[in-house]
Amino acid sequence: MNEDRALAVLSESDGSWVIAVADGLGGHTRGDEAAQAAVEGLPSRIAGADEMAVAFGEANERVLALTGPATWQRNLPLFMFPMSTLCVAAWTPEGGLLIGWMGDTLPFLADDGPGGFGGFLCGRPHRVPGGSIEICLGMPPAGAEPGPVEVEIVGESGDGIRPDAVILASDGAWEPFVYEHGVEWFSDDSAGGGIGAACGTGVSTAEEVANNILAGAVGLGLDDNATIAVALWR
């Protein structure tokens, strides 16, 4: 069962859009419900870093609400808390491109080069060297405000420089490539195992980009939920 959830919303009026991928955190109960709660209430338009931070804060509250009253929460073992990661990308004419993420669903930016898409990682794996996840959407705050939301702002407006594609991939989609090719996969597009090669050549639609990466992950023997959302400018 795939516990990941995805969202894609396009405004017909000005071309603004929001895409998101939430990973139902493995090892925790009701990960599918947590991932659904993370994406289902996201706004259809996010035009600034403050709005992105608010969207993440509200998503966090929706996931926390799944665990019931505070007294019940205190008595639950940690693995019984529904948890999710969340990655959101949004573009508006006035706000440009913003990307926020918590957890190990990762955002990528890709440029359409001569051989297809050549890309680079926007962000980094949200893991400490020991392999544990530092903060997850839905983890109860220990007497403090939820951790900071990282927001990458690309360009000052929709008229600025922008990539050709934004790719959000849950860990099940990108980890098989890293296991096979090493961490160079994140950035070395000249190598056969780079993110640009995974996007494929001669693609013309967002669906093709997503399907190429997913097929590559499946071919390498993925062992986790794999979900991809792509926004492509043309």
Foldseek 3Di string as FASTA:
>chain_A
DALKDKDWAADPPFGKIKIKIKHFDPLAPPSSVLNCLLPVPADGADQEPVSVQVSLLNSLVSQLPVQPDPVSVVPDDQRHRGWMWMKMWIADQQRGIKIKTAAAFFKKFWAQDPFGTATAGDDDHQADPVGDHDDIRHRDDDPDDDDDIDMDGDDRGNVDDGGQKMKTKHCLLPVLLCVVPNPCLRHDRVDCSHLRVQQPGPDDDQVSSQVSSNVVSVVSPGDHNIDMDMDGDD
